[in-house]
Amino acid sequence: MARDLSAYLQDVLDACNSIQDVMSGVSLEDYRSTRAMRSAVEREFIIIGEALRRVRNLDETLFSSISNSHAIVDFRNLLAHDYGAVDDDAVFGLVYSDLIVLKAEVSELLDDCHDAN
């Protein structure tokens, strides 16, 4: 059975929440030195990027309404295919800047999807 937009948006929201849970109270130095933590965060970013790619396939307009949506999908590709180029400091920074915006936007879109049904 095919998944709908709201399922993919929920995946993004769940991944955002997971990243925030893992990163709560974590310093940059802790992040840099803990491979399991970096792996967990990167995996959730991969889920976010893949879910947004699927949103794009279903509704290009909705996809484009999400800030930096193309860059998020590109970031997923970097994490999955060019892992050696990943900058831990940049990933850490994304958690405390772009992720907050993404979570708010996706939450609103998800509410709109639920209101439409």
PDB file of N, CA and C in Angstrom:
ATOM      1  N   MET A   1       0.837  -1.181   0.000  1.00  0.00           N
ATOM      2  CA  MET A   1       0.000   0.000   0.000  1.00  0.00           C
ATOM      3  C   MET A   1       0.881   1.244   0.000  1.00  0.00           C
ATOM      4  N   ALA A   2       0.581   2.175  -0.870  1.00  0.00           N
ATOM      5  CA  ALA A   2       1.355   3.403  -0.982  1.00  0.00           C
ATOM      6  C   ALA A   2       1.121   4.302   0.237  1.00  0.00           C
ATOM      7  N   ARG A   3       2.171   4.961   0.647  1.00  0.00           N
ATOM      8  CA  ARG A   3       2.066   5.903   1.763  1.00  0.00           C
ATOM      9  C   ARG A   3       1.656   7.268   1.232  1.00  0.00           C
ATOM     10  N   ASP A   4       1.004   8.045   2.061  1.00  0.00           N
ATOM     11  CA  ASP A   4       0.571   9.377   1.638  1.00  0.00           C
ATOM     12  C   ASP A   4       1.502  10.452   2.200  1.00  0.00           C
ATOM     13  N   LEU A   5       1.221  11.686   1.810  1.00  0.00           N
ATOM     14  CA  LEU A   5       2.048  12.812   2.240  1.00  0.00           C
ATOM     15  C   LEU A   5       2.173  12.894   3.754  1.00  0.00           C
ATOM     16  N   SER A   6       1.066  12.720   4.438  1.00  0.00           N
ATOM     17  CA  SER A   6       1.111  12.876   5.891  1.00  0.00           C
ATOM     18  C   SER A   6       2.041  11.837   6.541  1.00  0.00           C
ATOM     19  N   ALA A   7       2.132  10.649   5.979  1.00  0.00           N
ATOM     20  CA  ALA A   7       3.037   9.632   6.530  1.00  0.00           C
ATOM     21  C   ALA A   7       4.491  10.080   6.402  1.00  0.00           C
ATOM     22  N   TYR A   8       4.837  10.649   5.253  1.00  0.00           N
ATOM     23  CA  TYR A   8       6.213  11.114   5.058  1.00  0.00           C
ATOM     24  C   TYR A   8       6.509  12.336   5.920  1.00  0.00           C
ATOM     25  N   LEU A   9       5.534  13.231   6.049  1.00  0.00           N
ATOM     26  CA  LEU A   9       5.726  14.386   6.923  1.00  0.00           C
ATOM     27  C   LEU A   9       5.890  13.932   8.371  1.00  0.00           C
ATOM     28  N   GLN A  10       5.138  12.923   8.771  1.00  0.00           N
ATOM     29  CA  GLN A  10       5.277  12.389  10.126  1.00  0.00           C
ATOM     30  C   GLN A  10       6.656  11.767  10.322  1.00  0.00           C
ATOM     31  N   ASP A  11       7.180  11.102   9.296  1.00  0.00           N
ATOM     32  CA  ASP A  11       8.542  10.558   9.369  1.00  0.00           C
ATOM     33  C   ASP A  11       9.555  11.674   9.628  1.00  0.00           C
ATOM     34  N   VAL A  12       9.381  12.796   8.924  1.00  0.00           N
ATOM     35  CA  VAL A  12      10.288  13.941   9.117  1.00  0.00           C
ATOM     36  C   VAL A  12      10.180  14.446  10.547  1.00  0.00           C
ATOM     37  N   LEU A  13       8.961  14.634  11.014  1.00  0.00           N
ATOM     38  CA  LEU A  13       8.754  15.133  12.373  1.00  0.00           C
ATOM     39  C   LEU A  13       9.334  14.176  13.414  1.00  0.00           C
ATOM     40  N   ASP A  14       9.108  12.886  13.239  1.00  0.00           N
ATOM     41  CA  ASP A  14       9.650  11.890  14.170  1.00  0.00           C
ATOM     42  C   ASP A  14      11.180  11.917  14.182  1.00  0.00           C
ATOM     43  N   ALA A  15      11.782  12.057  13.010  1.00  0.00           N
ATOM     44  CA  ALA A  15      13.247  12.113  12.927  1.00  0.00           C
ATOM     45  C   ALA A  15      13.779  13.384  13.590  1.00  0.00           C
ATOM     46  N   CYS A  16      13.095  14.503  13.390  1.00  0.00           N
ATOM     47  CA  CYS A  16      13.489  15.757  14.057  1.00  0.00           C
ATOM     48  C   CYS A  16      13.452  15.577  15.574  1.00  0.00           C
ATOM     49  N   ASN A  17      12.376  14.987  16.070  1.00  0.00           N
ATOM     50  CA  ASN A  17      12.247  14.756  17.510  1.00  0.00           C
ATOM     51  C   ASN A  17      13.340  13.823  18.030  1.00  0.00           C
ATOM     52  N   SER A  18      13.652  12.808  17.263  1.00  0.00           N
ATOM     53  CA  SER A  18      14.697  11.866  17.662  1.00  0.00           C
ATOM     54  C   SER A  18      16.051  12.568  17.761  1.00  0.00           C
ATOM     55  N   ILE A  19      16.353  13.390  16.773  1.00  0.00           N
ATOM     56  CA  ILE A  19      17.618  14.139  16.799  1.00  0.00           C
ATOM     57  C   ILE A  19      17.663  15.041  18.023  1.00  0.00           C
ATOM     58  N   GLN A  20      16.580  15.750  18.277  1.00  0.00           N
ATOM     59  CA  GLN A  20      16.563  16.641  19.432  1.00  0.00           C
ATOM     60  C   GLN A  20      16.714  15.869  20.737  1.00  0.00           C
ATOM     61  N   ASP A  21      16.105  14.685  20.825  1.00  0.00           N
ATOM     62  CA  ASP A  21      16.249  13.859  22.027  1.00  0.00           C
ATOM     63  C   ASP A  21      17.703  13.441  22.233  1.00  0.00           C
ATOM     64  N   VAL A  22      18.337  12.971  21.170  1.00  0.00           N
ATOM     65  CA  VAL A  22      19.721  12.502  21.254  1.00  0.00           C
ATOM     66  C   VAL A  22      20.671  13.647  21.588  1.00  0.00           C
ATOM     67  N   MET A  23      20.386  14.825  21.061  1.00  0.00           N
ATOM     68  CA  MET A  23      21.311  15.949  21.195  1.00  0.00           C
ATOM     69  C   MET A  23      21.052  16.829  22.416  1.00  0.00           C
ATOM     70  N   SER A  24      20.043  16.526  23.173  1.00  0.00           N
ATOM     71  CA  SER A  24      19.722  17.336  24.348  1.00  0.00           C
ATOM     72  C   SER A  24      20.899  17.364  25.321  1.00  0.00           C
ATOM     73  N   GLY A  25      21.413  18.561  25.569  1.00  0.00           N
ATOM     74  CA  GLY A  25      22.508  18.727  26.520  1.00  0.00           C
ATOM     75  C   GLY A  25      23.869  18.290  26.030  1.00  0.00           C
ATOM     76  N   VAL A  26      23.998  18.000  24.743  1.00  0.00           N
ATOM     77  CA  VAL A  26      25.258  17.504  24.182  1.00  0.00           C
ATOM     78  C   VAL A  26      26.107  18.678  23.690  1.00  0.00           C
ATOM     79  N   SER A  27      27.372  18.689  24.083  1.00  0.00           N
ATOM     80  CA  SER A  27      28.294  19.722  23.602  1.00  0.00           C
ATOM     81  C   SER A  27      28.863  19.310  22.247  1.00  0.00           C
ATOM     82  N   LEU A  28      29.439  20.277  21.569  1.00  0.00           N
ATOM     83  CA  LEU A  28      30.080  19.991  20.289  1.00  0.00           C
ATOM     84  C   LEU A  28      31.196  18.967  20.482  1.00  0.00           C
ATOM     85  N   GLU A  29      31.950  19.102  21.541  1.00  0.00           N
ATOM     86  CA  GLU A  29      33.045  18.159  21.791  1.00  0.00           C
ATOM     87  C   GLU A  29      32.523  16.749  22.042  1.00  0.00           C
ATOM     88  N   ASP A  30      31.429  16.646  22.804  1.00  0.00           N
ATOM     89  CA  ASP A  30      30.808  15.332  23.022  1.00  0.00           C
ATOM     90  C   ASP A  30      30.346  14.743  21.696  1.00  0.00           C
ATOM     91  N   TYR A  31      29.735  15.580  20.866  1.00  0.00           N
ATOM     92  CA  TYR A  31      29.240  15.119  19.571  1.00  0.00           C
ATOM     93  C   TYR A  31      30.395  14.622  18.708  1.00  0.00           C
ATOM     94  N   ARG A  32      31.444  15.414  18.625  1.00  0.00           N
ATOM     95  CA  ARG A  32      32.609  15.032  17.813  1.00  0.00           C
ATOM     96  C   ARG A  32      33.224  13.708  18.262  1.00  0.00           C
ATOM     97  N   SER A  33      33.216  13.465  19.561  1.00  0.00           N
ATOM     98  CA  SER A  33      33.955  12.314  20.099  1.00  0.00           C
ATOM     99  C   SER A  33      33.112  11.054  20.279  1.00  0.00           C
ATOM    100  N   THR A  34      31.828  11.115  19.923  1.00  0.00           N
ATOM    101  CA  THR A  34      30.957   9.959  20.145  1.00  0.00           C
ATOM    102  C   THR A  34      30.395   9.468  18.820  1.00  0.00           C
ATOM    103  N   ARG A  35      31.043   8.474  18.271  1.00  0.00           N
ATOM    104  CA  ARG A  35      30.656   7.961  16.956  1.00  0.00           C
ATOM    105  C   ARG A  35      29.210   7.472  16.923  1.00  0.00           C
ATOM    106  N   ALA A  36      28.773   6.775  17.941  1.00  0.00           N
ATOM    107  CA  ALA A  36      27.399   6.255  17.964  1.00  0.00           C
ATOM    108  C   ALA A  36      26.387   7.400  17.909  1.00  0.00           C
ATOM    109  N   MET A  37      26.676   8.479  18.579  1.00  0.00           N
ATOM    110  CA  MET A  37      25.789   9.636  18.550  1.00  0.00           C
ATOM    111  C   MET A  37      25.768  10.259  17.152  1.00  0.00           C
ATOM    112  N   ARG A  38      26.938  10.431  16.570  1.00  0.00           N
ATOM    113  CA  ARG A  38      27.002  10.982  15.214  1.00  0.00           C
ATOM    114  C   ARG A  38      26.252  10.089  14.237  1.00  0.00           C
ATOM    115  N   SER A  39      26.419   8.799  14.374  1.00  0.00           N
ATOM    116  CA  SER A  39      25.725   7.851  13.488  1.00  0.00           C
ATOM    117  C   SER A  39      24.216   7.962  13.646  1.00  0.00           C
ATOM    118  N   ALA A  40      23.760   8.059  14.876  1.00  0.00           N
ATOM    119  CA  ALA A  40      22.317   8.166  15.120  1.00  0.00           C
ATOM    120  C   ALA A  40      21.750   9.439  14.504  1.00  0.00           C
ATOM    121  N   VAL A  41      22.435  10.542  14.701  1.00  0.00           N
ATOM    122  CA  VAL A  41      21.966  11.823  14.169  1.00  0.00           C
ATOM    123  C   VAL A  41      21.995  11.800  12.644  1.00  0.00           C
ATOM    124  N   GLU A  42      23.074  11.320  12.080  1.00  0.00           N
ATOM    125  CA  GLU A  42      23.175  11.253  10.617  1.00  0.00           C
ATOM    126  C   GLU A  42      22.099  10.346  10.031  1.00  0.00           C
ATOM    127  N   ARG A  43      21.811   9.228  10.680  1.00  0.00           N
ATOM    128  CA  ARG A  43      20.752   8.325  10.200  1.00  0.00           C
ATOM    129  C   ARG A  43      19.404   9.031  10.179  1.00  0.00           C
ATOM    130  N   GLU A  44      19.111   9.804  11.199  1.00  0.00           N
ATOM    131  CA  GLU A  44      17.840  10.536  11.231  1.00  0.00           C
ATOM    132  C   GLU A  44      17.799  11.607  10.143  1.00  0.00           C
ATOM    133  N   PHE A  45      18.936  12.263   9.871  1.00  0.00           N
ATOM    134  CA  PHE A  45      18.978  13.224   8.775  1.00  0.00           C
ATOM    135  C   PHE A  45      18.773  12.525   7.423  1.00  0.00           C
ATOM    136  N   ILE A  46      19.272  11.312   7.290  1.00  0.00           N
ATOM    137  CA  ILE A  46      19.042  10.542   6.060  1.00  0.00           C
ATOM    138  C   ILE A  46      17.554  10.250   5.910  1.00  0.00           C
ATOM    139  N   ILE A  47      16.902   9.873   6.989  1.00  0.00           N
ATOM    140  CA  ILE A  47      15.455   9.634   6.942  1.00  0.00           C
ATOM    141  C   ILE A  47      14.720  10.901   6.543  1.00  0.00           C
ATOM    142  N   ILE A  48      15.101  12.026   7.111  1.00  0.00           N
ATOM    143  CA  ILE A  48      14.467  13.302   6.768  1.00  0.00           C
ATOM    144  C   ILE A  48      14.608  13.576   5.280  1.00  0.00           C
ATOM    145  N   GLY A  49      15.814  13.450   4.769  1.00  0.00           N
ATOM    146  CA  GLY A  49      16.049  13.731   3.351  1.00  0.00           C
ATOM    147  C   GLY A  49      15.297  12.793   2.432  1.00  0.00           C
ATOM    148  N   GLU A  50      15.256  11.523   2.782  1.00  0.00           N
ATOM    149  CA  GLU A  50      14.540  10.550   1.948  1.00  0.00           C
ATOM    150  C   GLU A  50      13.033  10.792   2.004  1.00  0.00           C
ATOM    151  N   ALA A  51      12.515  11.092   3.178  1.00  0.00           N
ATOM    152  CA  ALA A  51      11.074  11.383   3.293  1.00  0.00           C
ATOM    153  C   ALA A  51      10.716  12.623   2.474  1.00  0.00           C
ATOM    154  N   LEU A  52      11.563  13.641   2.520  1.00  0.00           N
ATOM    155  CA  LEU A  52      11.279  14.850   1.733  1.00  0.00           C
ATOM    156  C   LEU A  52      11.400  14.583   0.237  1.00  0.00           C
ATOM    157  N   ARG A  53      12.311  13.717  -0.151  1.00  0.00           N
ATOM    158  CA  ARG A  53      12.408  13.351  -1.572  1.00  0.00           C
ATOM    159  C   ARG A  53      11.093  12.719  -2.025  1.00  0.00           C
ATOM    160  N   ARG A  54      10.533  11.892  -1.184  1.00  0.00           N
ATOM    161  CA  ARG A  54       9.263  11.247  -1.527  1.00  0.00           C
ATOM    162  C   ARG A  54       8.111  12.245  -1.514  1.00  0.00           C
ATOM    163  N   VAL A  55       8.164  13.223  -0.613  1.00  0.00           N
ATOM    164  CA  VAL A  55       7.171  14.306  -0.624  1.00  0.00           C
ATOM    165  C   VAL A  55       7.248  15.039  -1.958  1.00  0.00           C
ATOM    166  N   ARG A  56       8.466  15.321  -2.412  1.00  0.00           N
ATOM    167  CA  ARG A  56       8.651  16.005  -3.699  1.00  0.00           C
ATOM    168  C   ARG A  56       7.996  15.219  -4.830  1.00  0.00           C
ATOM    169  N   ASN A  57       8.132  13.900  -4.811  1.00  0.00           N
ATOM    170  CA  ASN A  57       7.535  13.067  -5.855  1.00  0.00           C
ATOM    171  C   ASN A  57       6.008  13.117  -5.826  1.00  0.00           C
ATOM    172  N   LEU A  58       5.454  13.336  -4.649  1.00  0.00           N
ATOM    173  CA  LEU A  58       3.994  13.363  -4.510  1.00  0.00           C
ATOM    174  C   LEU A  58       3.402  14.758  -4.703  1.00  0.00           C
ATOM    175  N   ASP A  59       4.133  15.792  -4.265  1.00  0.00           N
ATOM    176  CA  ASP A  59       3.593  17.153  -4.318  1.00  0.00           C
ATOM    177  C   ASP A  59       4.738  18.161  -4.345  1.00  0.00           C
ATOM    178  N   GLU A  60       5.140  18.535  -5.548  1.00  0.00           N
ATOM    179  CA  GLU A  60       6.275  19.451  -5.730  1.00  0.00           C
ATOM    180  C   GLU A  60       6.020  20.807  -5.057  1.00  0.00           C
ATOM    181  N   THR A  61       4.788  21.275  -5.098  1.00  0.00           N
ATOM    182  CA  THR A  61       4.465  22.566  -4.502  1.00  0.00           C
ATOM    183  C   THR A  61       4.655  22.531  -2.985  1.00  0.00           C
ATOM    184  N   LEU A  62       4.161  21.495  -2.356  1.00  0.00           N
ATOM    185  CA  LEU A  62       4.327  21.352  -0.909  1.00  0.00           C
ATOM    186  C   LEU A  62       5.805  21.222  -0.565  1.00  0.00           C
ATOM    187  N   PHE A  63       6.527  20.425  -1.321  1.00  0.00           N
ATOM    188  CA  PHE A  63       7.968  20.254  -1.120  1.00  0.00           C
ATOM    189  C   PHE A  63       8.683  21.600  -1.184  1.00  0.00           C
ATOM    190  N   SER A  64       8.342  22.397  -2.176  1.00  0.00           N
ATOM    191  CA  SER A  64       8.993  23.695  -2.356  1.00  0.00           C
ATOM    192  C   SER A  64       8.630  24.690  -1.266  1.00  0.00           C
ATOM    193  N   SER A  65       7.540  24.439  -0.558  1.00  0.00           N
ATOM    194  CA  SER A  65       7.140  25.347   0.521  1.00  0.00           C
ATOM    195  C   SER A  65       7.974  25.142   1.783  1.00  0.00           C
ATOM    196  N   ILE A  66       8.755  24.092   1.823  1.00  0.00           N
ATOM    197  CA  ILE A  66       9.606  23.794   2.979  1.00  0.00           C
ATOM    198  C   ILE A  66      10.964  24.459   2.763  1.00  0.00           C
ATOM    199  N   SER A  67      11.365  25.273   3.724  1.00  0.00           N
ATOM    200  CA  SER A  67      12.645  25.986   3.620  1.00  0.00           C
ATOM    201  C   SER A  67      13.791  25.007   3.384  1.00  0.00           C
ATOM    202  N   ASN A  68      14.623  25.329   2.423  1.00  0.00           N
ATOM    203  CA  ASN A  68      15.835  24.553   2.135  1.00  0.00           C
ATOM    204  C   ASN A  68      15.568  23.099   1.766  1.00  0.00           C
ATOM    205  N   SER A  69      14.379  22.813   1.234  1.00  0.00           N
ATOM    206  CA  SER A  69      14.020  21.426   0.941  1.00  0.00           C
ATOM    207  C   SER A  69      15.004  20.757  -0.016  1.00  0.00           C
ATOM    208  N   HIS A  70      15.431  21.474  -1.035  1.00  0.00           N
ATOM    209  CA  HIS A  70      16.379  20.884  -1.987  1.00  0.00           C
ATOM    210  C   HIS A  70      17.724  20.612  -1.301  1.00  0.00           C
ATOM    211  N   ALA A  71      18.167  21.541  -0.470  1.00  0.00           N
ATOM    212  CA  ALA A  71      19.434  21.365   0.247  1.00  0.00           C
ATOM    213  C   ALA A  71      19.355  20.198   1.227  1.00  0.00           C
ATOM    214  N   ILE A  72      18.179  19.977   1.811  1.00  0.00           N
ATOM    215  CA  ILE A  72      18.012  18.864   2.752  1.00  0.00           C
ATOM    216  C   ILE A  72      18.158  17.533   2.022  1.00  0.00           C
ATOM    217  N   VAL A  73      17.553  17.427   0.859  1.00  0.00           N
ATOM    218  CA  VAL A  73      17.682  16.197   0.069  1.00  0.00           C
ATOM    219  C   VAL A  73      19.133  16.016  -0.375  1.00  0.00           C
ATOM    220  N   ASP A  74      19.780  17.102  -0.786  1.00  0.00           N
ATOM    221  CA  ASP A  74      21.191  17.027  -1.157  1.00  0.00           C
ATOM    222  C   ASP A  74      22.058  16.588   0.024  1.00  0.00           C
ATOM    223  N   PHE A  75      21.720  17.078   1.218  1.00  0.00           N
ATOM    224  CA  PHE A  75      22.461  16.700   2.422  1.00  0.00           C
ATOM    225  C   PHE A  75      22.304  15.210   2.705  1.00  0.00           C
ATOM    226  N   ARG A  76      21.113  14.690   2.488  1.00  0.00           N
ATOM    227  CA  ARG A  76      20.864  13.250   2.635  1.00  0.00           C
ATOM    228  C   ARG A  76      21.785  12.470   1.712  1.00  0.00           C
ATOM    229  N   ASN A  77      21.899  12.947   0.479  1.00  0.00           N
ATOM    230  CA  ASN A  77      22.758  12.267  -0.500  1.00  0.00           C
ATOM    231  C   ASN A  77      24.224  12.316  -0.077  1.00  0.00           C
ATOM    232  N   LEU A  78      24.655  13.443   0.470  1.00  0.00           N
ATOM    233  CA  LEU A  78      26.023  13.557   0.977  1.00  0.00           C
ATOM    234  C   LEU A  78      26.257  12.545   2.092  1.00  0.00           C
ATOM    235  N   LEU A  79      25.333  12.489   3.042  1.00  0.00           N
ATOM    236  CA  LEU A  79      25.482  11.560   4.167  1.00  0.00           C
ATOM    237  C   LEU A  79      25.535  10.109   3.697  1.00  0.00           C
ATOM    238  N   ALA A  80      24.704   9.773   2.726  1.00  0.00           N
ATOM    239  CA  ALA A  80      24.600   8.387   2.274  1.00  0.00           C
ATOM    240  C   ALA A  80      25.720   7.981   1.326  1.00  0.00           C
ATOM    241  N   HIS A  81      26.189   8.928   0.516  1.00  0.00           N
ATOM    242  CA  HIS A  81      27.098   8.550  -0.569  1.00  0.00           C
ATOM    243  C   HIS A  81      28.499   9.143  -0.475  1.00  0.00           C
ATOM    244  N   ASP A  82      28.667  10.199   0.320  1.00  0.00           N
ATOM    245  CA  ASP A  82      29.983  10.825   0.428  1.00  0.00           C
ATOM    246  C   ASP A  82      30.289  11.102   1.898  1.00  0.00           C
ATOM    247  N   TYR A  83      30.092  10.077   2.722  1.00  0.00           N
ATOM    248  CA  TYR A  83      30.197  10.206   4.175  1.00  0.00           C
ATOM    249  C   TYR A  83      31.528  10.786   4.638  1.00  0.00           C
ATOM    250  N   GLY A  84      32.577  10.597   3.861  1.00  0.00           N
ATOM    251  CA  GLY A  84      33.887  11.130   4.233  1.00  0.00           C
ATOM    252  C   GLY A  84      33.946  12.645   4.191  1.00  0.00           C
ATOM    253  N   ALA A  85      33.008  13.255   3.496  1.00  0.00           N
ATOM    254  CA  ALA A  85      32.982  14.712   3.377  1.00  0.00           C
ATOM    255  C   ALA A  85      32.109  15.372   4.441  1.00  0.00           C
ATOM    256  N   VAL A  86      31.525  14.590   5.326  1.00  0.00           N
ATOM    257  CA  VAL A  86      30.632  15.138   6.347  1.00  0.00           C
ATOM    258  C   VAL A  86      31.448  15.906   7.384  1.00  0.00           C
ATOM    259  N   ASP A  87      31.016  17.132   7.648  1.00  0.00           N
ATOM    260  CA  ASP A  87      31.657  18.010   8.626  1.00  0.00           C
ATOM    261  C   ASP A  87      30.841  17.950   9.919  1.00  0.00           C
ATOM    262  N   ASP A  88      31.415  17.348  10.960  1.00  0.00           N
ATOM    263  CA  ASP A  88      30.693  17.186  12.215  1.00  0.00           C
ATOM    264  C   ASP A  88      30.239  18.510  12.807  1.00  0.00           C
ATOM    265  N   ASP A  89      31.059  19.547  12.681  1.00  0.00           N
ATOM    266  CA  ASP A  89      30.684  20.857  13.203  1.00  0.00           C
ATOM    267  C   ASP A  89      29.449  21.394  12.475  1.00  0.00           C
ATOM    268  N   ALA A  90      29.395  21.183  11.162  1.00  0.00           N
ATOM    269  CA  ALA A  90      28.247  21.647  10.378  1.00  0.00           C
ATOM    270  C   ALA A  90      26.980  20.885  10.758  1.00  0.00           C
ATOM    271  N   VAL A  91      27.090  19.580  10.932  1.00  0.00           N
ATOM    272  CA  VAL A  91      25.921  18.781  11.336  1.00  0.00           C
ATOM    273  C   VAL A  91      25.432  19.253  12.693  1.00  0.00           C
ATOM    274  N   PHE A  92      26.339  19.450  13.628  1.00  0.00           N
ATOM    275  CA  PHE A  92      25.982  19.937  14.955  1.00  0.00           C
ATOM    276  C   PHE A  92      25.249  21.268  14.842  1.00  0.00           C
ATOM    277  N   GLY A  93      25.745  22.150  13.997  1.00  0.00           N
ATOM    278  CA  GLY A  93      25.107  23.458  13.804  1.00  0.00           C
ATOM    279  C   GLY A  93      23.706  23.342  13.227  1.00  0.00           C
ATOM    280  N   LEU A  94      23.508  22.409  12.306  1.00  0.00           N
ATOM    281  CA  LEU A  94      22.177  22.213  11.713  1.00  0.00           C
ATOM    282  C   LEU A  94      21.137  21.838  12.768  1.00  0.00           C
ATOM    283  N   VAL A  95      21.571  21.081  13.750  1.00  0.00           N
ATOM    284  CA  VAL A  95      20.652  20.635  14.801  1.00  0.00           C
ATOM    285  C   VAL A  95      20.072  21.834  15.549  1.00  0.00           C
ATOM    286  N   TYR A  96      20.882  22.866  15.737  1.00  0.00           N
ATOM    287  CA  TYR A  96      20.455  24.009  16.543  1.00  0.00           C
ATOM    288  C   TYR A  96      20.019  25.208  15.706  1.00  0.00           C
ATOM    289  N   SER A  97      19.925  25.043  14.401  1.00  0.00           N
ATOM    290  CA  SER A  97      19.439  26.140  13.558  1.00  0.00           C
ATOM    291  C   SER A  97      18.350  25.638  12.617  1.00  0.00           C
ATOM    292  N   ASP A  98      18.742  24.992  11.544  1.00  0.00           N
ATOM    293  CA  ASP A  98      17.793  24.588  10.501  1.00  0.00           C
ATOM    294  C   ASP A  98      16.776  23.553  10.967  1.00  0.00           C
ATOM    295  N   LEU A  99      17.162  22.665  11.861  1.00  0.00           N
ATOM    296  CA  LEU A  99      16.244  21.620  12.307  1.00  0.00           C
ATOM    297  C   LEU A  99      15.026  22.206  13.017  1.00  0.00           C
ATOM    298  N   ILE A 100      15.232  23.277  13.752  1.00  0.00           N
ATOM    299  CA  ILE A 100      14.133  23.935  14.471  1.00  0.00           C
ATOM    300  C   ILE A 100      13.115  24.489  13.490  1.00  0.00           C
ATOM    301  N   VAL A 101      13.600  25.120  12.433  1.00  0.00           N
ATOM    302  CA  VAL A 101      12.721  25.674  11.398  1.00  0.00           C
ATOM    303  C   VAL A 101      11.991  24.546  10.675  1.00  0.00           C
ATOM    304  N   LEU A 102      12.724  23.515  10.298  1.00  0.00           N
ATOM    305  CA  LEU A 102      12.124  22.379   9.599  1.00  0.00           C
ATOM    306  C   LEU A 102      11.012  21.756  10.438  1.00  0.00           C
ATOM    307  N   LYS A 103      11.275  21.535  11.696  1.00  0.00           N
ATOM    308  CA  LYS A 103      10.288  20.915  12.575  1.00  0.00           C
ATOM    309  C   LYS A 103       9.020  21.758  12.652  1.00  0.00           C
ATOM    310  N   ALA A 104       9.166  23.059  12.790  1.00  0.00           N
ATOM    311  CA  ALA A 104       8.001  23.946  12.869  1.00  0.00           C
ATOM    312  C   ALA A 104       7.198  23.926  11.569  1.00  0.00           C
ATOM    313  N   GLU A 105       7.899  24.000  10.441  1.00  0.00           N
ATOM    314  CA  GLU A 105       7.200  23.999   9.149  1.00  0.00           C
ATOM    315  C   GLU A 105       6.483  22.680   8.895  1.00  0.00           C
ATOM    316  N   VAL A 106       7.141  21.585   9.171  1.00  0.00           N
ATOM    317  CA  VAL A 106       6.536  20.271   8.927  1.00  0.00           C
ATOM    318  C   VAL A 106       5.366  20.034   9.881  1.00  0.00           C
ATOM    319  N   SER A 107       5.492  20.484  11.111  1.00  0.00           N
ATOM    320  CA  SER A 107       4.375  20.356  12.063  1.00  0.00           C
ATOM    321  C   SER A 107       3.142  21.078  11.542  1.00  0.00           C
ATOM    322  N   GLU A 108       3.348  22.280  11.012  1.00  0.00           N
ATOM    323  CA  GLU A 108       2.232  23.057  10.462  1.00  0.00           C
ATOM    324  C   GLU A 108       1.633  22.363   9.235  1.00  0.00           C
ATOM    325  N   LEU A 109       2.473  21.867   8.349  1.00  0.00           N
ATOM    326  CA  LEU A 109       1.982  21.158   7.163  1.00  0.00           C
ATOM    327  C   LEU A 109       1.223  19.892   7.558  1.00  0.00           C
ATOM    328  N   LEU A 110       1.711  19.206   8.552  1.00  0.00           N
ATOM    329  CA  LEU A 110       1.051  17.991   9.023  1.00  0.00           C
ATOM    330  C   LEU A 110      -0.317  18.321   9.628  1.00  0.00           C
ATOM    331  N   ASP A 111      -0.380  19.400  10.388  1.00  0.00           N
ATOM    332  CA  ASP A 111      -1.674  19.852  10.921  1.00  0.00           C
ATOM    333  C   ASP A 111      -2.641  20.172   9.790  1.00  0.00           C
ATOM    334  N   ASP A 112      -2.137  20.844   8.738  1.00  0.00           N
ATOM    335  CA  ASP A 112      -2.979  21.170   7.584  1.00  0.00           C
ATOM    336  C   ASP A 112      -3.490  19.901   6.893  1.00  0.00           C
ATOM    337  N   CYS A 113      -2.634  18.891   6.780  1.00  0.00           N
ATOM    338  CA  CYS A 113      -3.038  17.616   6.171  1.00  0.00           C
ATOM    339  C   CYS A 113      -4.137  16.963   6.989  1.00  0.00           C
ATOM    340  N   HIS A 114      -3.998  16.995   8.305  1.00  0.00           N
ATOM    341  CA  HIS A 114      -5.000  16.378   9.174  1.00  0.00           C
ATOM    342  C   HIS A 114      -6.310  17.164   9.130  1.00  0.00           C
ATOM    343  N   ASP A 115      -6.214  18.488   9.046  1.00  0.00           N
ATOM    344  CA  ASP A 115      -7.426  19.316   8.966  1.00  0.00           C
ATOM    345  C   ASP A 115      -8.175  19.070   7.660  1.00  0.00           C
ATOM    346  N   ALA A 116      -7.412  18.781   6.590  1.00  0.00           N
ATOM    347  CA  ALA A 116      -8.033  18.545   5.276  1.00  0.00           C
ATOM    348  C   ALA A 116      -8.779  17.217   5.223  1.00  0.00           C
ATOM    349  N   ASN A 117      -8.422  16.293   6.102  1.00  0.00           N
ATOM    350  CA  ASN A 117      -9.058  14.964   6.098  1.00  0.00           C
ATOM    351  C   ASN A 117     -10.204  14.930   7.019  1.00  0.00           C
TER     352      ASN A 117
END
